[in-house]
Amino acid sequence: MNAFVYKCYNENIGYSEVLILKDKTFELLEKIYIEIQDMKQNIKGIEENMATKHDIVRLENKMDSNHKSLYGGYKLTYEKLAMLDDKVNELDKKVEKQDVRELHPVCLISFN
């Protein structure tokens, strides 16, 4: 085994065993500890850049208001288009009436 076990006395907990590791094992644990600390820092940085629930709710509210505005604009455009379509149909009927009159002209007879 690469470790030594010693019994120690502590007034609060009584006797306990203390494990003392040899140098190579201790160095390995120290490297692992340092890597874990680095990973914790990386995770902390990622967490800081993540959106919170408050951010998501704010964006959803903004999207909802934009959606309502876009729908309102679409509705107004559609209503205006329907109105223009009706006017074009009316003008088309008037033009057809004019064409019918030209096709059947009144014969004028002159008596000289």
Protein backbone atom coordinates (compact mmCIF):
# COMPACT_ATOMS: atom_id res chain seq x y z
CA MET A 1 0.00 0.00 0.00
CA ASN A 2 1.19 3.52 -0.83
CA ALA A 3 -0.15 5.08 2.34
CA PHE A 4 0.30 5.13 6.06
CA VAL A 5 -2.54 5.08 8.56
CA TYR A 6 -2.17 6.92 11.87
CA LYS A 7 -4.61 7.14 14.73
CA CYS A 8 -5.20 10.65 16.00
CA TYR A 9 -7.21 11.98 18.88
CA ASN A 10 -9.48 14.99 18.55
CA GLU A 11 -11.40 16.35 21.55
CA ASN A 12 -14.57 16.93 19.46
CA ILE A 13 -14.71 13.58 17.66
CA GLY A 14 -12.43 11.31 19.64
CA TYR A 15 -10.03 8.91 17.95
CA SER A 16 -9.91 8.84 14.17
CA GLU A 17 -7.69 7.38 11.54
CA VAL A 18 -5.69 9.68 9.29
CA LEU A 19 -4.52 8.44 5.94
CA ILE A 20 -1.17 9.80 4.80
CA LEU A 21 -0.40 9.18 1.15
CA LYS A 22 2.98 8.83 -0.47
CA ASP A 23 4.26 11.59 -2.75
CA LYS A 24 3.19 10.20 -6.15
CA THR A 25 -0.38 9.48 -5.06
CA PHE A 26 -0.63 12.89 -3.40
CA GLU A 27 0.63 14.62 -6.56
CA LEU A 28 -1.94 12.76 -8.63
CA LEU A 29 -4.75 13.78 -6.28
CA GLU A 30 -3.49 17.35 -6.35
CA LYS A 31 -3.61 17.39 -10.17
CA ILE A 32 -7.13 15.96 -10.12
CA TYR A 33 -8.17 18.61 -7.59
CA ILE A 34 -6.74 21.40 -9.78
CA GLU A 35 -8.56 20.05 -12.84
CA ILE A 36 -11.81 19.85 -10.91
CA GLN A 37 -11.39 23.46 -9.78
CA ASP A 38 -10.77 24.52 -13.41
CA MET A 39 -13.89 22.65 -14.49
CA LYS A 40 -15.89 24.41 -11.76
CA GLN A 41 -14.68 27.78 -13.08
CA ASN A 42 -15.63 26.83 -16.65
CA ILE A 43 -19.10 25.73 -15.51
CA LYS A 44 -19.50 28.94 -13.55
CA GLY A 45 -18.62 30.96 -16.68
CA ILE A 46 -21.14 29.00 -18.74
CA GLU A 47 -23.83 29.51 -16.10
CA GLU A 48 -23.20 33.26 -16.13
CA ASN A 49 -23.74 33.36 -19.91
CA MET A 50 -26.94 31.29 -19.81
CA ALA A 51 -30.32 32.97 -20.07
CA THR A 52 -32.41 33.01 -16.94
CA LYS A 53 -36.13 32.30 -16.70
CA HIS A 54 -36.67 36.06 -16.39
CA ASP A 55 -34.84 36.62 -19.70
CA ILE A 56 -36.94 33.96 -21.43
CA VAL A 57 -40.22 35.41 -20.10
CA ARG A 58 -39.16 38.88 -21.23
CA LEU A 59 -38.40 37.61 -24.75
CA GLU A 60 -41.70 35.70 -24.89
CA ASN A 61 -43.60 38.87 -23.95
CA LYS A 62 -41.74 40.86 -26.59
CA MET A 63 -42.46 38.19 -29.20
CA ASP A 64 -46.13 38.18 -28.19
CA SER A 65 -46.44 41.95 -28.66
CA ASN A 66 -44.62 41.72 -32.02
CA HIS A 67 -46.94 38.91 -33.09
CA LYS A 68 -50.00 41.00 -32.19
CA SER A 69 -48.62 43.97 -34.15
CA LEU A 70 -47.87 41.85 -37.19
CA TYR A 71 -51.30 40.23 -37.07
CA GLY A 72 -52.94 43.66 -36.78
CA GLY A 73 -51.02 44.86 -39.84
CA TYR A 74 -51.96 41.74 -41.76
CA LYS A 75 -55.64 42.19 -40.84
CA LEU A 76 -55.65 45.84 -41.97
CA THR A 77 -53.92 44.93 -45.24
CA TYR A 78 -56.40 42.12 -45.90
CA GLU A 79 -59.39 44.41 -45.21
CA LYS A 80 -57.99 47.10 -47.51
CA LEU A 81 -57.36 44.50 -50.22
CA ALA A 82 -60.95 43.24 -49.94
CA MET A 83 -62.22 46.81 -50.22
CA LEU A 84 -60.09 47.46 -53.31
CA ASP A 85 -61.24 44.16 -54.81
CA ASP A 86 -64.87 45.28 -54.42
CA LYS A 87 -64.10 48.61 -56.09
CA VAL A 88 -62.35 46.89 -58.99
CA ASN A 89 -65.35 44.59 -59.43
CA GLU A 90 -67.69 47.60 -59.51
CA LEU A 91 -65.51 49.35 -62.10
CA ASP A 92 -65.32 46.14 -64.13
CA LYS A 93 -69.14 45.97 -64.22
CA LYS A 94 -69.33 49.60 -65.35
CA VAL A 95 -66.82 48.94 -68.13
CA GLU A 96 -68.78 45.87 -69.25
CA LYS A 97 -71.93 47.99 -69.45
CA GLN A 98 -70.06 50.50 -71.61
CA ASP A 99 -68.87 47.67 -73.91
CA VAL A 100 -72.42 46.39 -74.28
CA ARG A 101 -73.64 49.83 -75.33
CA GLU A 102 -70.89 50.09 -77.94
CA LEU A 103 -71.71 46.65 -79.35
CA HIS A 104 -75.37 47.57 -79.84
CA PRO A 105 -75.35 51.11 -81.09
CA VAL A 106 -78.60 52.84 -81.79
CA CYS A 107 -79.22 53.11 -85.47
CA LEU A 108 -79.79 56.60 -86.58
CA ILE A 109 -81.75 56.99 -89.73
CA SER A 110 -81.48 60.22 -91.49
CA PHE A 111 -84.07 61.36 -93.94
CA ASN A 112 -82.70 63.78 -96.43
